[in-house]
Each structure stands twice: as C-alpha cells, then as structure tokens.
Amino acid sequence: MDNIIATREVQVERKNFSIQFRENERGRFLRIIEEAHGRRNTVIVPSSGLDDFFAAMQVVLEAAAASAPPAAPAV
C-alpha cells in the first residue's frame, strides 16, 4: 500500500493532472497522472531519478521558451 506524502492537482484545458509524491515498501517516487477524455496515463519516477528528471525538464522548457515566437504587441 502506498503512502501519499504530498499531492497537487492541476487542470490544463481539458486535461486533469494529479502530481503525487508517494512511498511504499520499495521506496519513494513521483507519480504523475493525466486524465483526459475518460483515459488515464501515468508516469512514475523513482526518487533516485528526480534530479535528472527535473534537470531534463528544465533544459526542454528553456529551449521551448527560447524558440517561442515574440508576443504580439498590446493594443
């Protein structure tokens, strides 16, 4: 049985995300659940890989921000 240490829910457009930090007899892990259109997808990252996971996300997000088109001027 998993013990939930922390949890947060986010809705983005028509998708619901549940981000949970949990632990069980095998250790601690991050669980990200995406629910949309009656379907559920889950990603689990062991705590030993969280630093690498977050570093990779940071690199990808920085690259995406750098290549984003300029914002339209305000009228």
C-alpha atoms as a PDB file:
ATOM      1  CA  MET A   1       0.000   0.000   0.000  1.00  0.00           C
ATOM      2  CA  ASP A   2       1.321   3.431  -0.977  1.00  0.00           C
ATOM      3  CA  ASN A   3       1.567   6.290   1.486  1.00  0.00           C
ATOM      4  CA  ILE A   4       0.875   9.704  -0.098  1.00  0.00           C
ATOM      5  CA  ILE A   5       3.377  12.267   1.194  1.00  0.00           C
ATOM      6  CA  ALA A   6       2.226  15.247  -0.905  1.00  0.00           C
ATOM      7  CA  THR A   7      -0.263  15.764  -3.713  1.00  0.00           C
ATOM      8  CA  ARG A   8      -1.356  18.551  -6.038  1.00  0.00           C
ATOM      9  CA  GLU A   9      -3.979  18.703  -8.806  1.00  0.00           C
ATOM     10  CA  VAL A  10      -3.870  20.921 -11.889  1.00  0.00           C
ATOM     11  CA  GLN A  11      -6.365  21.363 -14.707  1.00  0.00           C
ATOM     12  CA  VAL A  12      -4.976  22.447 -18.086  1.00  0.00           C
ATOM     13  CA  GLU A  13      -7.568  22.866 -20.803  1.00  0.00           C
ATOM     14  CA  ARG A  14      -9.500  19.556 -20.817  1.00  0.00           C
ATOM     15  CA  LYS A  15      -6.836  17.571 -19.004  1.00  0.00           C
ATOM     16  CA  ASN A  16      -6.551  16.930 -15.294  1.00  0.00           C
ATOM     17  CA  PHE A  17      -3.153  16.222 -13.793  1.00  0.00           C
ATOM     18  CA  SER A  18      -2.523  14.742 -10.386  1.00  0.00           C
ATOM     19  CA  ILE A  19       1.045  15.044  -9.125  1.00  0.00           C
ATOM     20  CA  GLN A  20       1.790  12.864  -6.123  1.00  0.00           C
ATOM     21  CA  PHE A  21       4.887  12.135  -4.100  1.00  0.00           C
ATOM     22  CA  ARG A  22       4.452   8.698  -2.540  1.00  0.00           C
ATOM     23  CA  GLU A  23       6.310   5.948  -0.766  1.00  0.00           C
ATOM     24  CA  ASN A  24       5.870   2.227  -0.381  1.00  0.00           C
ATOM     25  CA  GLU A  25       7.988  -0.710   0.788  1.00  0.00           C
ATOM     26  CA  ARG A  26      10.248  -0.298  -2.273  1.00  0.00           C
ATOM     27  CA  GLY A  27      10.961   3.416  -1.732  1.00  0.00           C
ATOM     28  CA  ARG A  28       9.776   6.907  -2.631  1.00  0.00           C
ATOM     29  CA  PHE A  29       8.600   8.053  -6.063  1.00  0.00           C
ATOM     30  CA  LEU A  30       6.823  10.762  -8.006  1.00  0.00           C
ATOM     31  CA  ARG A  31       3.609   9.758  -9.764  1.00  0.00           C
ATOM     32  CA  ILE A  32       2.111  11.997 -12.456  1.00  0.00           C
ATOM     33  CA  ILE A  33      -1.368  11.014 -13.631  1.00  0.00           C
ATOM     34  CA  GLU A  34      -3.015  12.571 -16.687  1.00  0.00           C
ATOM     35  CA  GLU A  35      -6.769  12.104 -17.118  1.00  0.00           C
ATOM     36  CA  ALA A  36      -8.492  13.238 -20.294  1.00  0.00           C
ATOM     37  CA  HIS A  37     -11.479  12.031 -22.274  1.00  0.00           C
ATOM     38  CA  GLY A  38     -12.003   9.039 -19.959  1.00  0.00           C
ATOM     39  CA  ARG A  39      -8.422   7.824 -20.362  1.00  0.00           C
ATOM     40  CA  ARG A  40      -5.657   7.744 -17.776  1.00  0.00           C
ATOM     41  CA  ASN A  41      -1.906   7.782 -18.319  1.00  0.00           C
ATOM     42  CA  THR A  42       0.668   7.510 -15.544  1.00  0.00           C
ATOM     43  CA  VAL A  43       4.361   8.322 -15.292  1.00  0.00           C
ATOM     44  CA  ILE A  44       6.335   7.125 -12.282  1.00  0.00           C
ATOM     45  CA  VAL A  45       9.803   8.481 -11.478  1.00  0.00           C
ATOM     46  CA  PRO A  46      11.769   6.867  -8.635  1.00  0.00           C
ATOM     47  CA  SER A  47      13.160   9.390  -6.131  1.00  0.00           C
ATOM     48  CA  SER A  48      16.689   8.406  -7.179  1.00  0.00           C
ATOM     49  CA  GLY A  49      15.990   9.884 -10.637  1.00  0.00           C
ATOM     50  CA  LEU A  50      14.148  13.070  -9.682  1.00  0.00           C
ATOM     51  CA  ASP A  51      17.156  15.387 -10.000  1.00  0.00           C
ATOM     52  CA  ASP A  52      17.879  14.107 -13.521  1.00  0.00           C
ATOM     53  CA  PHE A  53      14.174  14.242 -14.448  1.00  0.00           C
ATOM     54  CA  PHE A  54      13.791  17.856 -13.302  1.00  0.00           C
ATOM     55  CA  ALA A  55      17.080  18.877 -14.963  1.00  0.00           C
ATOM     56  CA  ALA A  56      15.892  17.399 -18.272  1.00  0.00           C
ATOM     57  CA  MET A  57      12.550  19.204 -17.948  1.00  0.00           C
ATOM     58  CA  GLN A  58      14.368  22.478 -17.265  1.00  0.00           C
ATOM     59  CA  VAL A  59      16.508  22.100 -20.402  1.00  0.00           C
ATOM     60  CA  VAL A  60      13.470  21.333 -22.551  1.00  0.00           C
ATOM     61  CA  LEU A  61      11.428  24.224 -21.127  1.00  0.00           C
ATOM     62  CA  GLU A  62      14.297  26.682 -21.566  1.00  0.00           C
ATOM     63  CA  ALA A  63      14.727  25.563 -25.197  1.00  0.00           C
ATOM     64  CA  ALA A  64      10.994  25.953 -25.792  1.00  0.00           C
ATOM     65  CA  ALA A  65      10.991  29.454 -24.263  1.00  0.00           C
ATOM     66  CA  ALA A  66      13.994  30.486 -26.358  1.00  0.00           C
ATOM     67  CA  SER A  67      12.325  29.351 -29.580  1.00  0.00           C
ATOM     68  CA  ALA A  68       8.886  30.817 -28.821  1.00  0.00           C
ATOM     69  CA  PRO A  69       7.649  33.444 -31.254  1.00  0.00           C
ATOM     70  CA  PRO A  70       7.629  37.002 -29.881  1.00  0.00           C
ATOM     71  CA  ALA A  71       4.451  38.094 -28.146  1.00  0.00           C
ATOM     72  CA  ALA A  72       2.016  40.210 -30.145  1.00  0.00           C
ATOM     73  CA  PRO A  73       2.153  43.912 -29.207  1.00  0.00           C
ATOM     74  CA  ALA A  74      -0.590  45.121 -26.884  1.00  0.00           C
ATOM     75  CA  VAL A  75      -3.183  47.396 -28.478  1.00  0.00           C
END
